[in-house]
Amino acid sequence: MKNFAFTKINYILLIIGFAIIVLGFILMAGDATTEEAFNPDIFSDIRIKVAPMVCLFGFLFEIVAILWPAKNNSHAKQNA
């Protein structure tokens, strides 16, 4: 069996981190201000405070997912 850089848990954590980042971008999305009308929602706390922090958490979670250590079973295989 080949030893890959990532294990199944790494891929699961990467998918979770990606979903968190997408959620952050969805929270940032919404109607924009046009030349005809000003939309005060562009300055809502969710768009300028919460959503960027959710994205930052997602990116930090991705780093953890990449660096998550794999269980080393090579020692157990050598003794068998």
PDB file of N, CA and C in Angstrom:
ATOM      1  N   MET A   1       0.838  -1.184   0.000  1.00  0.00           N
ATOM      2  CA  MET A   1       0.000   0.000   0.000  1.00  0.00           C
ATOM      3  C   MET A   1       0.881   1.244   0.000  1.00  0.00           C
ATOM      4  N   LYS A   2       0.511   2.207  -0.815  1.00  0.00           N
ATOM      5  CA  LYS A   2       1.292   3.434  -0.910  1.00  0.00           C
ATOM      6  C   LYS A   2       0.993   4.338   0.272  1.00  0.00           C
ATOM      7  N   ASN A   3       2.020   5.052   0.706  1.00  0.00           N
ATOM      8  CA  ASN A   3       1.843   6.031   1.769  1.00  0.00           C
ATOM      9  C   ASN A   3       1.607   7.398   1.140  1.00  0.00           C
ATOM     10  N   PHE A   4       0.411   7.924   1.317  1.00  0.00           N
ATOM     11  CA  PHE A   4       0.077   9.231   0.794  1.00  0.00           C
ATOM     12  C   PHE A   4       0.363  10.295   1.842  1.00  0.00           C
ATOM     13  N   ALA A   5       0.496  11.538   1.397  1.00  0.00           N
ATOM     14  CA  ALA A   5       0.786  12.631   2.325  1.00  0.00           C
ATOM     15  C   ALA A   5      -0.386  12.898   3.258  1.00  0.00           C
ATOM     16  N   PHE A   6      -1.598  12.759   2.748  1.00  0.00           N
ATOM     17  CA  PHE A   6      -2.787  13.017   3.546  1.00  0.00           C
ATOM     18  C   PHE A   6      -3.529  11.728   3.818  1.00  0.00           C
ATOM     19  N   THR A   7      -4.147  11.688   4.983  1.00  0.00           N
ATOM     20  CA  THR A   7      -5.002  10.553   5.319  1.00  0.00           C
ATOM     21  C   THR A   7      -6.456  10.977   5.120  1.00  0.00           C
ATOM     22  N   LYS A   8      -7.344  10.046   5.415  1.00  0.00           N
ATOM     23  CA  LYS A   8      -8.778  10.318   5.249  1.00  0.00           C
ATOM     24  C   LYS A   8      -9.213  11.469   6.153  1.00  0.00           C
ATOM     25  N   ILE A   9      -8.695  11.523   7.365  1.00  0.00           N
ATOM     26  CA  ILE A   9      -9.071  12.589   8.288  1.00  0.00           C
ATOM     27  C   ILE A   9      -8.600  13.944   7.778  1.00  0.00           C
ATOM     28  N   ASN A  10      -7.453  14.004   7.120  1.00  0.00           N
ATOM     29  CA  ASN A  10      -6.986  15.257   6.542  1.00  0.00           C
ATOM     30  C   ASN A  10      -7.957  15.772   5.487  1.00  0.00           C
ATOM     31  N   TYR A  11      -8.430  14.878   4.639  1.00  0.00           N
ATOM     32  CA  TYR A  11      -9.366  15.292   3.590  1.00  0.00           C
ATOM     33  C   TYR A  11     -10.695  15.736   4.186  1.00  0.00           C
ATOM     34  N   ILE A  12     -11.157  15.067   5.216  1.00  0.00           N
ATOM     35  CA  ILE A  12     -12.406  15.470   5.867  1.00  0.00           C
ATOM     36  C   ILE A  12     -12.246  16.859   6.483  1.00  0.00           C
ATOM     37  N   LEU A  13     -11.125  17.097   7.153  1.00  0.00           N
ATOM     38  CA  LEU A  13     -10.876  18.408   7.759  1.00  0.00           C
ATOM     39  C   LEU A  13     -10.735  19.494   6.694  1.00  0.00           C
ATOM     40  N   LEU A  14     -10.124  19.169   5.563  1.00  0.00           N
ATOM     41  CA  LEU A  14     -10.009  20.135   4.466  1.00  0.00           C
ATOM     42  C   LEU A  14     -11.379  20.511   3.919  1.00  0.00           C
ATOM     43  N   ILE A  15     -12.262  19.554   3.782  1.00  0.00           N
ATOM     44  CA  ILE A  15     -13.614  19.832   3.283  1.00  0.00           C
ATOM     45  C   ILE A  15     -14.375  20.699   4.276  1.00  0.00           C
ATOM     46  N   ILE A  16     -14.237  20.409   5.570  1.00  0.00           N
ATOM     47  CA  ILE A  16     -14.896  21.226   6.595  1.00  0.00           C
ATOM     48  C   ILE A  16     -14.369  22.662   6.551  1.00  0.00           C
ATOM     49  N   GLY A  17     -13.062  22.822   6.439  1.00  0.00           N
ATOM     50  CA  GLY A  17     -12.471  24.158   6.350  1.00  0.00           C
ATOM     51  C   GLY A  17     -12.940  24.912   5.121  1.00  0.00           C
ATOM     52  N   PHE A  18     -13.041  24.212   3.995  1.00  0.00           N
ATOM     53  CA  PHE A  18     -13.522  24.841   2.766  1.00  0.00           C
ATOM     54  C   PHE A  18     -14.971  25.295   2.936  1.00  0.00           C
ATOM     55  N   ALA A  19     -15.787  24.483   3.599  1.00  0.00           N
ATOM     56  CA  ALA A  19     -17.184  24.848   3.834  1.00  0.00           C
ATOM     57  C   ALA A  19     -17.284  26.078   4.732  1.00  0.00           C
ATOM     58  N   ILE A  20     -16.403  26.195   5.710  1.00  0.00           N
ATOM     59  CA  ILE A  20     -16.405  27.366   6.588  1.00  0.00           C
ATOM     60  C   ILE A  20     -16.041  28.623   5.798  1.00  0.00           C
ATOM     61  N   ILE A  21     -15.070  28.513   4.905  1.00  0.00           N
ATOM     62  CA  ILE A  21     -14.674  29.653   4.079  1.00  0.00           C
ATOM     63  C   ILE A  21     -15.821  30.072   3.162  1.00  0.00           C
ATOM     64  N   VAL A  22     -16.478  29.103   2.546  1.00  0.00           N
ATOM     65  CA  VAL A  22     -17.612  29.412   1.673  1.00  0.00           C
ATOM     66  C   VAL A  22     -18.726  30.087   2.474  1.00  0.00           C
ATOM     67  N   LEU A  23     -18.978  29.615   3.693  1.00  0.00           N
ATOM     68  CA  LEU A  23     -19.982  30.240   4.547  1.00  0.00           C
ATOM     69  C   LEU A  23     -19.630  31.699   4.824  1.00  0.00           C
ATOM     70  N   GLY A  24     -18.368  31.976   5.072  1.00  0.00           N
ATOM     71  CA  GLY A  24     -17.938  33.354   5.295  1.00  0.00           C
ATOM     72  C   GLY A  24     -18.183  34.240   4.096  1.00  0.00           C
ATOM     73  N   PHE A  25     -17.902  33.731   2.895  1.00  0.00           N
ATOM     74  CA  PHE A  25     -18.146  34.516   1.684  1.00  0.00           C
ATOM     75  C   PHE A  25     -19.639  34.698   1.434  1.00  0.00           C
ATOM     76  N   ILE A  26     -20.438  33.703   1.769  1.00  0.00           N
ATOM     77  CA  ILE A  26     -21.887  33.845   1.627  1.00  0.00           C
ATOM     78  C   ILE A  26     -22.409  34.921   2.578  1.00  0.00           C
ATOM     79  N   LEU A  27     -21.855  34.961   3.792  1.00  0.00           N
ATOM     80  CA  LEU A  27     -22.259  36.000   4.740  1.00  0.00           C
ATOM     81  C   LEU A  27     -21.881  37.394   4.249  1.00  0.00           C
ATOM     82  N   MET A  28     -20.811  37.510   3.473  1.00  0.00           N
ATOM     83  CA  MET A  28     -20.405  38.806   2.937  1.00  0.00           C
ATOM     84  C   MET A  28     -21.256  39.242   1.750  1.00  0.00           C
ATOM     85  N   ALA A  29     -21.891  38.311   1.086  1.00  0.00           N
ATOM     86  CA  ALA A  29     -22.650  38.627  -0.128  1.00  0.00           C
ATOM     87  C   ALA A  29     -23.943  39.351   0.214  1.00  0.00           C
ATOM     88  N   GLY A  30     -24.450  40.054  -0.764  1.00  0.00           N
ATOM     89  CA  GLY A  30     -25.727  40.744  -0.594  1.00  0.00           C
ATOM     90  C   GLY A  30     -25.870  41.859  -1.604  1.00  0.00           C
ATOM     91  N   ASP A  31     -26.935  42.606  -1.440  1.00  0.00           N
ATOM     92  CA  ASP A  31     -27.196  43.714  -2.359  1.00  0.00           C
ATOM     93  C   ASP A  31     -26.163  44.806  -2.179  1.00  0.00           C
ATOM     94  N   ALA A  32     -25.826  45.441  -3.263  1.00  0.00           N
ATOM     95  CA  ALA A  32     -24.844  46.509  -3.239  1.00  0.00           C
ATOM     96  C   ALA A  32     -25.542  47.862  -3.345  1.00  0.00           C
ATOM     97  N   THR A  33     -24.798  48.912  -3.100  1.00  0.00           N
ATOM     98  CA  THR A  33     -25.307  50.258  -3.299  1.00  0.00           C
ATOM     99  C   THR A  33     -25.194  50.599  -4.775  1.00  0.00           C
ATOM    100  N   THR A  34     -26.249  51.168  -5.315  1.00  0.00           N
ATOM    101  CA  THR A  34     -26.247  51.587  -6.724  1.00  0.00           C
ATOM    102  C   THR A  34     -26.226  53.108  -6.785  1.00  0.00           C
ATOM    103  N   GLU A  35     -26.136  53.635  -7.992  1.00  0.00           N
ATOM    104  CA  GLU A  35     -26.154  55.086  -8.157  1.00  0.00           C
ATOM    105  C   GLU A  35     -27.524  55.669  -7.830  1.00  0.00           C
ATOM    106  N   GLU A  36     -28.558  54.847  -7.970  1.00  0.00           N
ATOM    107  CA  GLU A  36     -29.916  55.327  -7.709  1.00  0.00           C
ATOM    108  C   GLU A  36     -30.279  55.289  -6.227  1.00  0.00           C
ATOM    109  N   ALA A  37     -29.775  54.305  -5.494  1.00  0.00           N
ATOM    110  CA  ALA A  37     -30.186  54.149  -4.098  1.00  0.00           C
ATOM    111  C   ALA A  37     -29.020  53.679  -3.240  1.00  0.00           C
ATOM    112  N   PHE A  38     -28.943  54.248  -2.048  1.00  0.00           N
ATOM    113  CA  PHE A  38     -27.928  53.834  -1.081  1.00  0.00           C
ATOM    114  C   PHE A  38     -28.480  52.689  -0.246  1.00  0.00           C
ATOM    115  N   ASN A  39     -27.699  51.646  -0.073  1.00  0.00           N
ATOM    116  CA  ASN A  39     -28.117  50.486   0.722  1.00  0.00           C
ATOM    117  C   ASN A  39     -27.276  50.463   1.998  1.00  0.00           C
ATOM    118  N   PRO A  40     -27.868  50.797   3.151  1.00  0.00           N
ATOM    119  CA  PRO A  40     -27.080  50.810   4.392  1.00  0.00           C
ATOM    120  C   PRO A  40     -26.683  49.426   4.879  1.00  0.00           C
ATOM    121  N   ASP A  41     -27.232  48.368   4.267  1.00  0.00           N
ATOM    122  CA  ASP A  41     -26.868  47.006   4.666  1.00  0.00           C
ATOM    123  C   ASP A  41     -25.409  46.664   4.367  1.00  0.00           C
ATOM    124  N   ILE A  42     -24.771  47.433   3.508  1.00  0.00           N
ATOM    125  CA  ILE A  42     -23.374  47.123   3.202  1.00  0.00           C
ATOM    126  C   ILE A  42     -22.473  47.351   4.403  1.00  0.00           C
ATOM    127  N   PHE A  43     -22.961  48.103   5.392  1.00  0.00           N
ATOM    128  CA  PHE A  43     -22.186  48.366   6.599  1.00  0.00           C
ATOM    129  C   PHE A  43     -22.688  47.574   7.801  1.00  0.00           C
ATOM    130  N   SER A  44     -23.411  46.492   7.569  1.00  0.00           N
ATOM    131  CA  SER A  44     -23.929  45.696   8.686  1.00  0.00           C
ATOM    132  C   SER A  44     -22.779  44.975   9.389  1.00  0.00           C
ATOM    133  N   ASP A  45     -22.998  44.672  10.656  1.00  0.00           N
ATOM    134  CA  ASP A  45     -21.957  43.997  11.440  1.00  0.00           C
ATOM    135  C   ASP A  45     -21.628  42.620  10.887  1.00  0.00           C
ATOM    136  N   ILE A  46     -22.617  41.954  10.320  1.00  0.00           N
ATOM    137  CA  ILE A  46     -22.362  40.617   9.769  1.00  0.00           C
ATOM    138  C   ILE A  46     -21.403  40.704   8.591  1.00  0.00           C
ATOM    139  N   ARG A  47     -21.587  41.697   7.750  1.00  0.00           N
ATOM    140  CA  ARG A  47     -20.741  41.807   6.552  1.00  0.00           C
ATOM    141  C   ARG A  47     -19.332  42.288   6.833  1.00  0.00           C
ATOM    142  N   ILE A  48     -19.171  43.187   7.784  1.00  0.00           N
ATOM    143  CA  ILE A  48     -17.829  43.762   7.961  1.00  0.00           C
ATOM    144  C   ILE A  48     -17.083  43.247   9.177  1.00  0.00           C
ATOM    145  N   LYS A  49     -17.757  42.497  10.053  1.00  0.00           N
ATOM    146  CA  LYS A  49     -17.067  41.965  11.232  1.00  0.00           C
ATOM    147  C   LYS A  49     -17.122  40.448  11.307  1.00  0.00           C
ATOM    148  N   VAL A  50     -18.324  39.900  11.232  1.00  0.00           N
ATOM    149  CA  VAL A  50     -18.493  38.460  11.435  1.00  0.00           C
ATOM    150  C   VAL A  50     -17.963  37.658  10.253  1.00  0.00           C
ATOM    151  N   ALA A  51     -18.362  38.019   9.043  1.00  0.00           N
ATOM    152  CA  ALA A  51     -17.983  37.241   7.859  1.00  0.00           C
ATOM    153  C   ALA A  51     -16.460  37.165   7.647  1.00  0.00           C
ATOM    154  N   PRO A  52     -15.726  38.269   7.762  1.00  0.00           N
ATOM    155  CA  PRO A  52     -14.271  38.141   7.628  1.00  0.00           C
ATOM    156  C   PRO A  52     -13.635  37.263   8.698  1.00  0.00           C
ATOM    157  N   MET A  53     -14.189  37.309   9.920  1.00  0.00           N
ATOM    158  CA  MET A  53     -13.642  36.457  10.977  1.00  0.00           C
ATOM    159  C   MET A  53     -13.954  34.983  10.716  1.00  0.00           C
ATOM    160  N   VAL A  54     -15.126  34.707  10.145  1.00  0.00           N
ATOM    161  CA  VAL A  54     -15.461  33.327   9.779  1.00  0.00           C
ATOM    162  C   VAL A  54     -14.498  32.836   8.699  1.00  0.00           C
ATOM    163  N   CYS A  55     -14.220  33.667   7.706  1.00  0.00           N
ATOM    164  CA  CYS A  55     -13.265  33.290   6.654  1.00  0.00           C
ATOM    165  C   CYS A  55     -11.867  33.074   7.230  1.00  0.00           C
ATOM    166  N   LEU A  56     -11.443  33.950   8.114  1.00  0.00           N
ATOM    167  CA  LEU A  56     -10.126  33.795   8.741  1.00  0.00           C
ATOM    168  C   LEU A  56     -10.054  32.486   9.516  1.00  0.00           C
ATOM    169  N   PHE A  57     -11.108  32.180  10.280  1.00  0.00           N
ATOM    170  CA  PHE A  57     -11.150  30.916  11.000  1.00  0.00           C
ATOM    171  C   PHE A  57     -11.083  29.742  10.027  1.00  0.00           C
ATOM    172  N   GLY A  58     -11.772  29.854   8.893  1.00  0.00           N
ATOM    173  CA  GLY A  58     -11.730  28.779   7.891  1.00  0.00           C
ATOM    174  C   GLY A  58     -10.330  28.567   7.338  1.00  0.00           C
ATOM    175  N   PHE A  59      -9.629  29.655   7.053  1.00  0.00           N
ATOM    176  CA  PHE A  59      -8.262  29.523   6.537  1.00  0.00           C
ATOM    177  C   PHE A  59      -7.318  28.948   7.599  1.00  0.00           C
ATOM    178  N   LEU A  60      -7.486  29.361   8.840  1.00  0.00           N
ATOM    179  CA  LEU A  60      -6.668  28.783   9.913  1.00  0.00           C
ATOM    180  C   LEU A  60      -6.990  27.303  10.104  1.00  0.00           C
ATOM    181  N   PHE A  61      -8.262  26.957   9.962  1.00  0.00           N
ATOM    182  CA  PHE A  61      -8.671  25.554  10.056  1.00  0.00           C
ATOM    183  C   PHE A  61      -8.049  24.738   8.929  1.00  0.00           C
ATOM    184  N   GLU A  62      -7.916  25.329   7.736  1.00  0.00           N
ATOM    185  CA  GLU A  62      -7.265  24.651   6.612  1.00  0.00           C
ATOM    186  C   GLU A  62      -5.798  24.356   6.924  1.00  0.00           C
ATOM    187  N   ILE A  63      -5.125  25.294   7.567  1.00  0.00           N
ATOM    188  CA  ILE A  63      -3.724  25.071   7.938  1.00  0.00           C
ATOM    189  C   ILE A  63      -3.624  23.913   8.920  1.00  0.00           C
ATOM    190  N   VAL A  64      -4.520  23.883   9.892  1.00  0.00           N
ATOM    191  CA  VAL A  64      -4.536  22.777  10.852  1.00  0.00           C
ATOM    192  C   VAL A  64      -4.816  21.460  10.137  1.00  0.00           C
ATOM    193  N   ALA A  65      -5.739  21.481   9.183  1.00  0.00           N
ATOM    194  CA  ALA A  65      -6.084  20.259   8.443  1.00  0.00           C
ATOM    195  C   ALA A  65      -4.889  19.737   7.646  1.00  0.00           C
ATOM    196  N   ILE A  66      -4.101  20.642   7.097  1.00  0.00           N
ATOM    197  CA  ILE A  66      -2.926  20.218   6.324  1.00  0.00           C
ATOM    198  C   ILE A  66      -1.849  19.667   7.248  1.00  0.00           C
ATOM    199  N   LEU A  67      -1.674  20.285   8.397  1.00  0.00           N
ATOM    200  CA  LEU A  67      -0.610  19.875   9.316  1.00  0.00           C
ATOM    201  C   LEU A  67      -1.025  18.769  10.274  1.00  0.00           C
ATOM    202  N   TRP A  68      -2.278  18.320  10.215  1.00  0.00           N
ATOM    203  CA  TRP A  68      -2.758  17.278  11.122  1.00  0.00           C
ATOM    204  C   TRP A  68      -1.898  16.033  10.960  1.00  0.00           C
ATOM    205  N   PRO A  69      -1.326  15.528  12.039  1.00  0.00           N
ATOM    206  CA  PRO A  69      -0.403  14.388  11.904  1.00  0.00           C
ATOM    207  C   PRO A  69      -1.148  13.083  11.608  1.00  0.00           C
ATOM    208  N   ALA A  70      -0.540  12.282  10.763  1.00  0.00           N
ATOM    209  CA  ALA A  70      -1.088  10.957  10.470  1.00  0.00           C
ATOM    210  C   ALA A  70      -0.582   9.980  11.518  1.00  0.00           C
ATOM    211  N   LYS A  71      -1.414   9.018  11.848  1.00  0.00           N
ATOM    212  CA  LYS A  71      -0.982   7.995  12.786  1.00  0.00           C
ATOM    213  C   LYS A  71       0.056   7.128  12.095  1.00  0.00           C
ATOM    214  N   ASN A  72       1.166   6.941  12.746  1.00  0.00           N
ATOM    215  CA  ASN A  72       2.264   6.185  12.162  1.00  0.00           C
ATOM    216  C   ASN A  72       2.105   4.710  12.518  1.00  0.00           C
ATOM    217  N   ASN A  73       1.726   3.916  11.542  1.00  0.00           N
ATOM    218  CA  ASN A  73       1.545   2.482  11.758  1.00  0.00           C
ATOM    219  C   ASN A  73       2.734   1.674  11.233  1.00  0.00           C
ATOM    220  N   SER A  74       3.794   2.343  10.826  1.00  0.00           N
ATOM    221  CA  SER A  74       4.939   1.616  10.268  1.00  0.00           C
ATOM    222  C   SER A  74       5.637   0.771  11.340  1.00  0.00           C
ATOM    223  N   HIS A  75       5.672   1.259  12.590  1.00  0.00           N
ATOM    224  CA  HIS A  75       6.297   0.492  13.669  1.00  0.00           C
ATOM    225  C   HIS A  75       5.510  -0.776  13.951  1.00  0.00           C
ATOM    226  N   ALA A  76       4.197  -0.686  13.927  1.00  0.00           N
ATOM    227  CA  ALA A  76       3.368  -1.869  14.167  1.00  0.00           C
ATOM    228  C   ALA A  76       3.497  -2.868  13.027  1.00  0.00           C
ATOM    229  N   LYS A  77       3.688  -2.384  11.812  1.00  0.00           N
ATOM    230  CA  LYS A  77       3.831  -3.290  10.665  1.00  0.00           C
ATOM    231  C   LYS A  77       5.182  -4.001  10.705  1.00  0.00           C
ATOM    232  N   GLN A  78       6.206  -3.339  11.229  1.00  0.00           N
ATOM    233  CA  GLN A  78       7.515  -3.968  11.290  1.00  0.00           C
ATOM    234  C   GLN A  78       7.547  -5.090  12.313  1.00  0.00           C
ATOM    235  N   ASN A  79       6.813  -4.946  13.402  1.00  0.00           N
ATOM    236  CA  ASN A  79       6.791  -5.988  14.424  1.00  0.00           C
ATOM    237  C   ASN A  79       5.923  -7.168  14.065  1.00  0.00           C
ATOM    238  N   ALA A  80       5.029  -7.000  13.108  1.00  0.00           N
ATOM    239  CA  ALA A  80       4.100  -8.093  12.745  1.00  0.00           C
ATOM    240  C   ALA A  80       4.756  -9.113  11.856  1.00  0.00           C
TER     241      ALA A  80
END
